Amino acid sequence: MRRAVTLASVGDLEAALPFFRVAFDAWPLWRELAPRLTVAGILPDEPALIAILLAVE
């Protein structure tokens, strides 16, 4: 998950999405926790970005 978040934070969604997919498959609770990372300042507070991340299957 760390690599996925780092890549998304710097704007490299194309590289980040496969890592989010693996993380969400391995531990589905990450899907619920990912939006909270904006509150902690770990991910940018951009609703469109969070929507894209949560749409990963």
Protein backbone atom coordinates (compact mmCIF):
# COMPACT_ATOMS: atom_id res chain seq x y z
CA MET A 1 0.00 0.00 0.00
CA ARG A 2 2.88 2.35 0.73
CA ARG A 3 4.06 2.32 -2.88
CA ALA A 4 0.51 2.87 -4.17
CA VAL A 5 -0.03 5.86 -1.89
CA THR A 6 3.35 7.38 -2.72
CA LEU A 7 2.75 7.12 -6.45
CA ALA A 8 -0.76 8.56 -6.16
CA SER A 9 0.52 11.40 -3.99
CA VAL A 10 2.96 12.51 -6.66
CA GLY A 11 0.33 12.24 -9.39
CA ASP A 12 1.41 8.98 -11.03
CA LEU A 13 -1.98 7.26 -11.02
CA GLU A 14 -1.15 5.01 -13.94
CA ALA A 15 1.61 3.38 -11.89
CA ALA A 16 -0.33 3.52 -8.60
CA LEU A 17 -3.54 1.78 -9.64
CA PRO A 18 -2.10 -1.74 -10.00
CA PHE A 19 -0.64 -1.46 -6.50
CA PHE A 20 -3.98 -0.31 -5.10
CA ARG A 21 -5.62 -3.29 -6.81
CA VAL A 22 -3.21 -5.69 -5.12
CA ALA A 23 -3.65 -3.99 -1.74
CA PHE A 24 -7.45 -3.99 -1.97
CA ASP A 25 -7.46 -7.66 -2.99
CA ALA A 26 -5.12 -8.63 -0.17
CA TRP A 27 -6.93 -6.67 2.51
CA PRO A 28 -10.36 -5.31 1.46
CA LEU A 29 -10.49 -2.97 4.47
CA TRP A 30 -7.91 -0.77 2.71
CA ARG A 31 -10.75 0.34 0.44
CA GLU A 32 -12.50 1.87 3.47
CA LEU A 33 -9.32 3.31 4.94
CA ALA A 34 -7.97 4.91 1.76
CA PRO A 35 -10.25 8.00 1.91
CA ARG A 36 -9.12 8.64 5.49
CA LEU A 37 -5.57 9.10 4.27
CA THR A 38 -6.60 12.53 2.97
CA VAL A 39 -7.51 13.61 6.51
CA ALA A 40 -4.05 12.52 7.68
CA GLY A 41 -2.47 14.49 4.82
CA ILE A 42 -1.01 11.35 3.26
CA LEU A 43 -3.09 11.56 0.08
CA PRO A 44 -4.18 14.79 -1.61
CA ASP A 45 -7.69 15.87 -0.62
CA GLU A 46 -9.08 15.52 -4.14
CA PRO A 47 -12.48 13.81 -4.39
CA ALA A 48 -11.84 12.82 -8.02
CA LEU A 49 -8.63 11.04 -7.02
CA ILE A 50 -10.37 9.13 -4.22
CA ALA A 51 -13.19 8.16 -6.59
CA ILE A 52 -10.69 6.74 -9.06
CA LEU A 53 -8.90 4.80 -6.34
CA LEU A 54 -12.10 3.35 -4.95
CA ALA A 55 -13.24 2.29 -8.41
CA VAL A 56 -10.23 0.00 -8.80
CA GLU A 57 -11.31 -3.64 -9.16
